[in-house]
Amino acid sequence: MSIRIQFNSEDRGDKGHYEYEDGEGREYRYAVLDSGALAVFEKEVGGSIGKDEAPISVYGPHAWFSVSGDPRTKADDRPGRMTGF
């Protein structure tokens, strides 16, 4: 599923929204940060997002008011390394 962001300002495109479309081997996930900012992450289909991986886009808390699509979950995180065997 793609991500659709609805903005507070109509200045962001003709429709007041922007979409990150899944496809071409990429998937997108979003996370709402503690500050209210919206972060968008990109990953390969079936891949993971590293713990310290930077988002491809960040929108301030006053720039957007609605988001739909796939949120970032623990299933998107890169598995931890096993040590001590």
PDB file of N, CA and C in Angstrom:
ATOM      1  N   MET A   1       0.847  -1.175   0.000  1.00  0.00           N
ATOM      2  CA  MET A   1       0.000   0.000   0.000  1.00  0.00           C
ATOM      3  C   MET A   1       0.892   1.237   0.000  1.00  0.00           C
ATOM      4  N   SER A   2       0.538   2.212  -0.737  1.00  0.00           N
ATOM      5  CA  SER A   2       1.291   3.455  -0.778  1.00  0.00           C
ATOM      6  C   SER A   2       0.927   4.319   0.436  1.00  0.00           C
ATOM      7  N   ILE A   3       1.680   5.409   0.611  1.00  0.00           N
ATOM      8  CA  ILE A   3       1.406   6.357   1.681  1.00  0.00           C
ATOM      9  C   ILE A   3       0.797   7.609   1.051  1.00  0.00           C
ATOM     10  N   ARG A   4      -0.255   8.104   1.656  1.00  0.00           N
ATOM     11  CA  ARG A   4      -0.889   9.340   1.187  1.00  0.00           C
ATOM     12  C   ARG A   4      -0.892  10.335   2.344  1.00  0.00           C
ATOM     13  N   ILE A   5      -0.329  11.509   2.095  1.00  0.00           N
ATOM     14  CA  ILE A   5      -0.237  12.559   3.106  1.00  0.00           C
ATOM     15  C   ILE A   5      -1.118  13.722   2.672  1.00  0.00           C
ATOM     16  N   GLN A   6      -1.992  14.148   3.564  1.00  0.00           N
ATOM     17  CA  GLN A   6      -2.840  15.313   3.313  1.00  0.00           C
ATOM     18  C   GLN A   6      -2.209  16.497   4.040  1.00  0.00           C
ATOM     19  N   PHE A   7      -1.963  17.571   3.310  1.00  0.00           N
ATOM     20  CA  PHE A   7      -1.284  18.733   3.871  1.00  0.00           C
ATOM     21  C   PHE A   7      -2.267  19.810   4.307  1.00  0.00           C
ATOM     22  N   ASN A   8      -1.815  20.653   5.229  1.00  0.00           N
ATOM     23  CA  ASN A   8      -2.614  21.780   5.702  1.00  0.00           C
ATOM     24  C   ASN A   8      -2.725  22.876   4.664  1.00  0.00           C
ATOM     25  N   SER A   9      -1.783  22.950   3.757  1.00  0.00           N
ATOM     26  CA  SER A   9      -1.751  24.017   2.764  1.00  0.00           C
ATOM     27  C   SER A   9      -2.050  23.452   1.380  1.00  0.00           C
ATOM     28  N   GLU A  10      -2.819  24.157   0.614  1.00  0.00           N
ATOM     29  CA  GLU A  10      -3.108  23.750  -0.759  1.00  0.00           C
ATOM     30  C   GLU A  10      -1.915  23.995  -1.680  1.00  0.00           C
ATOM     31  N   ASP A  11      -0.862  24.639  -1.164  1.00  0.00           N
ATOM     32  CA  ASP A  11       0.315  24.940  -1.969  1.00  0.00           C
ATOM     33  C   ASP A  11       1.117  23.691  -2.336  1.00  0.00           C
ATOM     34  N   ARG A  12       0.838  22.570  -1.715  1.00  0.00           N
ATOM     35  CA  ARG A  12       1.585  21.336  -1.945  1.00  0.00           C
ATOM     36  C   ARG A  12       0.941  20.515  -3.046  1.00  0.00           C
ATOM     37  N   GLY A  13       0.985  20.977  -4.252  1.00  0.00           N
ATOM     38  CA  GLY A  13       0.412  20.234  -5.369  1.00  0.00           C
ATOM     39  C   GLY A  13      -1.016  20.653  -5.645  1.00  0.00           C
ATOM     40  N   ASP A  14      -1.556  20.132  -6.701  1.00  0.00           N
ATOM     41  CA  ASP A  14      -2.894  20.506  -7.134  1.00  0.00           C
ATOM     42  C   ASP A  14      -3.992  20.043  -6.183  1.00  0.00           C
ATOM     43  N   LYS A  15      -3.774  18.926  -5.512  1.00  0.00           N
ATOM     44  CA  LYS A  15      -4.824  18.328  -4.706  1.00  0.00           C
ATOM     45  C   LYS A  15      -4.627  18.523  -3.212  1.00  0.00           C
ATOM     46  N   GLY A  16      -3.538  19.155  -2.785  1.00  0.00           N
ATOM     47  CA  GLY A  16      -3.287  19.338  -1.367  1.00  0.00           C
ATOM     48  C   GLY A  16      -2.792  18.076  -0.691  1.00  0.00           C
ATOM     49  N   HIS A  17      -2.373  17.088  -1.481  1.00  0.00           N
ATOM     50  CA  HIS A  17      -1.825  15.869  -0.896  1.00  0.00           C
ATOM     51  C   HIS A  17      -0.672  15.354  -1.754  1.00  0.00           C
ATOM     52  N   TYR A  18       0.072  14.406  -1.191  1.00  0.00           N
ATOM     53  CA  TYR A  18       1.171  13.783  -1.912  1.00  0.00           C
ATOM     54  C   TYR A  18       1.139  12.299  -1.614  1.00  0.00           C
ATOM     55  N   GLU A  19       1.501  11.487  -2.605  1.00  0.00           N
ATOM     56  CA  GLU A  19       1.522  10.039  -2.421  1.00  0.00           C
ATOM     57  C   GLU A  19       2.900   9.473  -2.725  1.00  0.00           C
ATOM     58  N   TYR A  20       3.337   8.576  -1.868  1.00  0.00           N
ATOM     59  CA  TYR A  20       4.533   7.766  -2.116  1.00  0.00           C
ATOM     60  C   TYR A  20       4.008   6.415  -2.579  1.00  0.00           C
ATOM     61  N   GLU A  21       4.221   6.069  -3.836  1.00  0.00           N
ATOM     62  CA  GLU A  21       3.667   4.853  -4.433  1.00  0.00           C
ATOM     63  C   GLU A  21       4.646   3.686  -4.305  1.00  0.00           C
ATOM     64  N   ASP A  22       4.170   2.566  -3.752  1.00  0.00           N
ATOM     65  CA  ASP A  22       4.958   1.337  -3.757  1.00  0.00           C
ATOM     66  C   ASP A  22       5.149   0.893  -5.198  1.00  0.00           C
ATOM     67  N   GLY A  23       6.266   0.298  -5.487  1.00  0.00           N
ATOM     68  CA  GLY A  23       6.517  -0.210  -6.828  1.00  0.00           C
ATOM     69  C   GLY A  23       7.987  -0.164  -7.165  1.00  0.00           C
ATOM     70  N   GLU A  24       8.352  -0.775  -8.264  1.00  0.00           N
ATOM     71  CA  GLU A  24       9.732  -0.828  -8.723  1.00  0.00           C
ATOM     72  C   GLU A  24      10.671  -1.342  -7.637  1.00  0.00           C
ATOM     73  N   GLY A  25      10.201  -2.317  -6.866  1.00  0.00           N
ATOM     74  CA  GLY A  25      11.033  -2.936  -5.827  1.00  0.00           C
ATOM     75  C   GLY A  25      11.134  -2.142  -4.542  1.00  0.00           C
ATOM     76  N   ARG A  26      10.304  -1.101  -4.378  1.00  0.00           N
ATOM     77  CA  ARG A  26      10.356  -0.267  -3.178  1.00  0.00           C
ATOM     78  C   ARG A  26       9.008  -0.261  -2.466  1.00  0.00           C
ATOM     79  N   GLU A  27       9.090  -0.149  -1.143  1.00  0.00           N
ATOM     80  CA  GLU A  27       7.910   0.037  -0.310  1.00  0.00           C
ATOM     81  C   GLU A  27       8.169   1.223   0.604  1.00  0.00           C
ATOM     82  N   TYR A  28       7.104   1.882   1.028  1.00  0.00           N
ATOM     83  CA  TYR A  28       7.233   3.049   1.893  1.00  0.00           C
ATOM     84  C   TYR A  28       6.481   2.818   3.193  1.00  0.00           C
ATOM     85  N   ARG A  29       7.059   3.325   4.278  1.00  0.00           N
ATOM     86  CA  ARG A  29       6.450   3.247   5.603  1.00  0.00           C
ATOM     87  C   ARG A  29       6.535   4.629   6.236  1.00  0.00           C
ATOM     88  N   TYR A  30       5.615   4.931   7.139  1.00  0.00           N
ATOM     89  CA  TYR A  30       5.661   6.219   7.825  1.00  0.00           C
ATOM     90  C   TYR A  30       5.701   6.015   9.328  1.00  0.00           C
ATOM     91  N   ALA A  31       6.176   7.047  10.029  1.00  0.00           N
ATOM     92  CA  ALA A  31       6.179   7.061  11.487  1.00  0.00           C
ATOM     93  C   ALA A  31       5.887   8.487  11.933  1.00  0.00           C
ATOM     94  N   VAL A  32       5.028   8.611  12.930  1.00  0.00           N
ATOM     95  CA  VAL A  32       4.776   9.910  13.546  1.00  0.00           C
ATOM     96  C   VAL A  32       5.714  10.003  14.740  1.00  0.00           C
ATOM     97  N   LEU A  33       6.600  10.979  14.718  1.00  0.00           N
ATOM     98  CA  LEU A  33       7.602  11.151  15.766  1.00  0.00           C
ATOM     99  C   LEU A  33       6.992  11.822  16.995  1.00  0.00           C
ATOM    100  N   ASP A  34       7.700  11.751  18.131  1.00  0.00           N
ATOM    101  CA  ASP A  34       7.211  12.359  19.375  1.00  0.00           C
ATOM    102  C   ASP A  34       6.913  13.844  19.214  1.00  0.00           C
ATOM    103  N   SER A  35       7.627  14.512  18.335  1.00  0.00           N
ATOM    104  CA  SER A  35       7.434  15.947  18.101  1.00  0.00           C
ATOM    105  C   SER A  35       6.179  16.247  17.276  1.00  0.00           C
ATOM    106  N   GLY A  36       5.574  15.215  16.701  1.00  0.00           N
ATOM    107  CA  GLY A  36       4.433  15.396  15.813  1.00  0.00           C
ATOM    108  C   GLY A  36       4.830  15.443  14.348  1.00  0.00           C
ATOM    109  N   ALA A  37       6.139  15.425  14.089  1.00  0.00           N
ATOM    110  CA  ALA A  37       6.622  15.401  12.710  1.00  0.00           C
ATOM    111  C   ALA A  37       6.318  14.036  12.092  1.00  0.00           C
ATOM    112  N   LEU A  38       6.181  14.021  10.788  1.00  0.00           N
ATOM    113  CA  LEU A  38       5.902  12.798  10.046  1.00  0.00           C
ATOM    114  C   LEU A  38       7.152  12.407   9.262  1.00  0.00           C
ATOM    115  N   ALA A  39       7.664  11.204   9.489  1.00  0.00           N
ATOM    116  CA  ALA A  39       8.853  10.706   8.795  1.00  0.00           C
ATOM    117  C   ALA A  39       8.436   9.614   7.819  1.00  0.00           C
ATOM    118  N   VAL A  40       9.001   9.633   6.613  1.00  0.00           N
ATOM    119  CA  VAL A  40       8.716   8.638   5.584  1.00  0.00           C
ATOM    120  C   VAL A  40       9.997   7.856   5.316  1.00  0.00           C
ATOM    121  N   PHE A  41       9.895   6.529   5.349  1.00  0.00           N
ATOM    122  CA  PHE A  41      11.029   5.639   5.120  1.00  0.00           C
ATOM    123  C   PHE A  41      10.806   4.824   3.855  1.00  0.00           C
ATOM    124  N   GLU A  42      11.899   4.486   3.181  1.00  0.00           N
ATOM    125  CA  GLU A  42      11.855   3.659   1.978  1.00  0.00           C
ATOM    126  C   GLU A  42      12.631   2.387   2.253  1.00  0.00           C
ATOM    127  N   LYS A  43      12.115   1.261   1.766  1.00  0.00           N
ATOM    128  CA  LYS A  43      12.824  -0.004   1.893  1.00  0.00           C
ATOM    129  C   LYS A  43      12.580  -0.843   0.656  1.00  0.00           C
ATOM    130  N   GLU A  44      13.440  -1.836   0.451  1.00  0.00           N
ATOM    131  CA  GLU A  44      13.230  -2.773  -0.642  1.00  0.00           C
ATOM    132  C   GLU A  44      12.085  -3.705  -0.275  1.00  0.00           C
ATOM    133  N   VAL A  45      11.359  -4.185  -1.274  1.00  0.00           N
ATOM    134  CA  VAL A  45      10.262  -5.117  -1.021  1.00  0.00           C
ATOM    135  C   VAL A  45      10.813  -6.324  -0.269  1.00  0.00           C
ATOM    136  N   GLY A  46      10.208  -6.640   0.867  1.00  0.00           N
ATOM    137  CA  GLY A  46      10.643  -7.763   1.681  1.00  0.00           C
ATOM    138  C   GLY A  46      11.860  -7.451   2.530  1.00  0.00           C
ATOM    139  N   GLY A  47      12.386  -6.243   2.410  1.00  0.00           N
ATOM    140  CA  GLY A  47      13.576  -5.847   3.157  1.00  0.00           C
ATOM    141  C   GLY A  47      13.223  -5.278   4.524  1.00  0.00           C
ATOM    142  N   SER A  48      14.197  -4.604   5.127  1.00  0.00           N
ATOM    143  CA  SER A  48      14.006  -4.032   6.450  1.00  0.00           C
ATOM    144  C   SER A  48      14.535  -2.602   6.480  1.00  0.00           C
ATOM    145  N   ILE A  49      14.237  -1.920   7.573  1.00  0.00           N
ATOM    146  CA  ILE A  49      14.702  -0.557   7.784  1.00  0.00           C
ATOM    147  C   ILE A  49      15.631  -0.591   8.994  1.00  0.00           C
ATOM    148  N   GLY A  50      16.860  -0.147   8.818  1.00  0.00           N
ATOM    149  CA  GLY A  50      17.827  -0.138   9.916  1.00  0.00           C
ATOM    150  C   GLY A  50      17.401   0.799  11.028  1.00  0.00           C
ATOM    151  N   LYS A  51      17.798   0.461  12.252  1.00  0.00           N
ATOM    152  CA  LYS A  51      17.423   1.241  13.433  1.00  0.00           C
ATOM    153  C   LYS A  51      17.845   2.704  13.305  1.00  0.00           C
ATOM    154  N   ASP A  52      19.024   2.949  12.768  1.00  0.00           N
ATOM    155  CA  ASP A  52      19.551   4.302  12.645  1.00  0.00           C
ATOM    156  C   ASP A  52      19.404   4.871  11.237  1.00  0.00           C
ATOM    157  N   GLU A  53      18.616   4.214  10.398  1.00  0.00           N
ATOM    158  CA  GLU A  53      18.433   4.681   9.025  1.00  0.00           C
ATOM    159  C   GLU A  53      17.629   5.976   9.002  1.00  0.00           C
ATOM    160  N   ALA A  54      18.110   6.942   8.243  1.00  0.00           N
ATOM    161  CA  ALA A  54      17.444   8.243   8.151  1.00  0.00           C
ATOM    162  C   ALA A  54      16.232   8.147   7.225  1.00  0.00           C
ATOM    163  N   PRO A  55      15.172   8.882   7.550  1.00  0.00           N
ATOM    164  CA  PRO A  55      14.005   8.910   6.660  1.00  0.00           C
ATOM    165  C   PRO A  55      14.342   9.638   5.355  1.00  0.00           C
ATOM    166  N   ILE A  56      13.580   9.342   4.311  1.00  0.00           N
ATOM    167  CA  ILE A  56      13.801  10.037   3.042  1.00  0.00           C
ATOM    168  C   ILE A  56      13.105  11.393   3.031  1.00  0.00           C
ATOM    169  N   SER A  57      12.092  11.567   3.884  1.00  0.00           N
ATOM    170  CA  SER A  57      11.379  12.848   4.003  1.00  0.00           C
ATOM    171  C   SER A  57      10.888  13.013   5.431  1.00  0.00           C
ATOM    172  N   VAL A  58      10.876  14.257   5.893  1.00  0.00           N
ATOM    173  CA  VAL A  58      10.305  14.590   7.200  1.00  0.00           C
ATOM    174  C   VAL A  58       9.449  15.842   7.011  1.00  0.00           C
ATOM    175  N   TYR A  59       8.215  15.783   7.495  1.00  0.00           N
ATOM    176  CA  TYR A  59       7.290  16.910   7.412  1.00  0.00           C
ATOM    177  C   TYR A  59       6.991  17.383   8.831  1.00  0.00           C
ATOM    178  N   GLY A  60       7.128  18.682   9.065  1.00  0.00           N
ATOM    179  CA  GLY A  60       6.878  19.248  10.383  1.00  0.00           C
ATOM    180  C   GLY A  60       5.446  19.035  10.835  1.00  0.00           C
ATOM    181  N   PRO A  61       5.203  19.143  12.147  1.00  0.00           N
ATOM    182  CA  PRO A  61       3.866  18.860  12.682  1.00  0.00           C
ATOM    183  C   PRO A  61       2.775  19.805  12.180  1.00  0.00           C
ATOM    184  N   HIS A  62       3.141  20.990  11.713  1.00  0.00           N
ATOM    185  CA  HIS A  62       2.137  21.931  11.218  1.00  0.00           C
ATOM    186  C   HIS A  62       1.917  21.829   9.714  1.00  0.00           C
ATOM    187  N   ALA A  63       2.695  20.989   9.043  1.00  0.00           N
ATOM    188  CA  ALA A  63       2.597  20.872   7.581  1.00  0.00           C
ATOM    189  C   ALA A  63       1.526  19.877   7.142  1.00  0.00           C
ATOM    190  N   TRP A  64       1.217  18.894   7.974  1.00  0.00           N
ATOM    191  CA  TRP A  64       0.306  17.828   7.556  1.00  0.00           C
ATOM    192  C   TRP A  64      -0.770  17.632   8.624  1.00  0.00           C
ATOM    193  N   PHE A  65      -1.900  17.028   8.219  1.00  0.00           N
ATOM    194  CA  PHE A  65      -2.929  16.722   9.208  1.00  0.00           C
ATOM    195  C   PHE A  65      -3.484  15.317   9.075  1.00  0.00           C
ATOM    196  N   SER A  66      -3.134  14.602   8.000  1.00  0.00           N
ATOM    197  CA  SER A  66      -3.663  13.256   7.827  1.00  0.00           C
ATOM    198  C   SER A  66      -2.671  12.417   7.033  1.00  0.00           C
ATOM    199  N   VAL A  67      -2.545  11.147   7.432  1.00  0.00           N
ATOM    200  CA  VAL A  67      -1.707  10.211   6.696  1.00  0.00           C
ATOM    201  C   VAL A  67      -2.401   8.861   6.682  1.00  0.00           C
ATOM    202  N   SER A  68      -2.308   8.172   5.556  1.00  0.00           N
ATOM    203  CA  SER A  68      -2.857   6.824   5.465  1.00  0.00           C
ATOM    204  C   SER A  68      -1.851   5.961   4.719  1.00  0.00           C
ATOM    205  N   GLY A  69      -1.927   4.675   4.955  1.00  0.00           N
ATOM    206  CA  GLY A  69      -1.001   3.741   4.337  1.00  0.00           C
ATOM    207  C   GLY A  69      -0.413   2.815   5.378  1.00  0.00           C
ATOM    208  N   ASP A  70       0.804   2.354   5.127  1.00  0.00           N
ATOM    209  CA  ASP A  70       1.455   1.399   6.020  1.00  0.00           C
ATOM    210  C   ASP A  70       2.380   2.104   7.000  1.00  0.00           C
ATOM    211  N   PRO A  71       2.072   2.037   8.309  1.00  0.00           N
ATOM    212  CA  PRO A  71       2.991   2.607   9.286  1.00  0.00           C
ATOM    213  C   PRO A  71       4.218   1.705   9.463  1.00  0.00           C
ATOM    214  N   ARG A  72       5.300   2.283   9.946  1.00  0.00           N
ATOM    215  CA  ARG A  72       6.490   1.495  10.267  1.00  0.00           C
ATOM    216  C   ARG A  72       6.185   0.693  11.532  1.00  0.00           C
ATOM    217  N   THR A  73       6.465  -0.610  11.483  1.00  0.00           N
ATOM    218  CA  THR A  73       6.240  -1.490  12.623  1.00  0.00           C
ATOM    219  C   THR A  73       7.510  -2.254  12.932  1.00  0.00           C
ATOM    220  N   LYS A  74       7.500  -3.028  13.994  1.00  0.00           N
ATOM    221  CA  LYS A  74       8.667  -3.846  14.354  1.00  0.00           C
ATOM    222  C   LYS A  74       9.006  -4.842  13.251  1.00  0.00           C
ATOM    223  N   ALA A  75       8.028  -5.250  12.473  1.00  0.00           N
ATOM    224  CA  ALA A  75       8.269  -6.183  11.367  1.00  0.00           C
ATOM    225  C   ALA A  75       9.174  -5.561  10.304  1.00  0.00           C
ATOM    226  N   ASP A  76       9.241  -4.224  10.245  1.00  0.00           N
ATOM    227  CA  ASP A  76      10.093  -3.534   9.279  1.00  0.00           C
ATOM    228  C   ASP A  76      11.527  -3.361   9.777  1.00  0.00           C
ATOM    229  N   ASP A  77      11.754  -3.572  11.072  1.00  0.00           N
ATOM    230  CA  ASP A  77      13.086  -3.378  11.639  1.00  0.00           C
ATOM    231  C   ASP A  77      14.034  -4.500  11.219  1.00  0.00           C
ATOM    232  N   ARG A  78      15.287  -4.130  11.038  1.00  0.00           N
ATOM    233  CA  ARG A  78      16.323  -5.109  10.718  1.00  0.00           C
ATOM    234  C   ARG A  78      16.540  -5.989  11.948  1.00  0.00           C
ATOM    235  N   PRO A  79      16.606  -7.314  11.781  1.00  0.00           N
ATOM    236  CA  PRO A  79      16.822  -8.200  12.927  1.00  0.00           C
ATOM    237  C   PRO A  79      18.154  -7.879  13.609  1.00  0.00           C
ATOM    238  N   GLY A  80      18.167  -8.004  14.933  1.00  0.00           N
ATOM    239  CA  GLY A  80      19.396  -7.763  15.700  1.00  0.00           C
ATOM    240  C   GLY A  80      20.405  -8.875  15.480  1.00  0.00           C
ATOM    241  N   ARG A  81      21.636  -8.555  15.771  1.00  0.00           N
ATOM    242  CA  ARG A  81      22.705  -9.561  15.638  1.00  0.00           C
ATOM    243  C   ARG A  81      22.727 -10.455  16.868  1.00  0.00           C
ATOM    244  N   MET A  82      22.938 -11.721  16.657  1.00  0.00           N
ATOM    245  CA  MET A  82      23.063 -12.664  17.747  1.00  0.00           C
ATOM    246  C   MET A  82      24.540 -12.867  18.041  1.00  0.00           C
ATOM    247  N   THR A  83      24.896 -12.726  19.298  1.00  0.00           N
ATOM    248  CA  THR A  83      26.288 -12.904  19.717  1.00  0.00           C
ATOM    249  C   THR A  83      26.345 -13.814  20.916  1.00  0.00           C
ATOM    250  N   GLY A  84      27.526 -14.320  21.189  1.00  0.00           N
ATOM    251  CA  GLY A  84      27.735 -15.094  22.406  1.00  0.00           C
ATOM    252  C   GLY A  84      27.469 -16.580  22.289  1.00  0.00           C
ATOM    253  N   PHE A  85      27.563 -17.132  21.099  1.00  0.00           N
ATOM    254  CA  PHE A  85      27.342 -18.581  20.971  1.00  0.00           C
ATOM    255  C   PHE A  85      28.598 -19.333  21.260  1.00  0.00           C
TER     256      PHE A  85
END
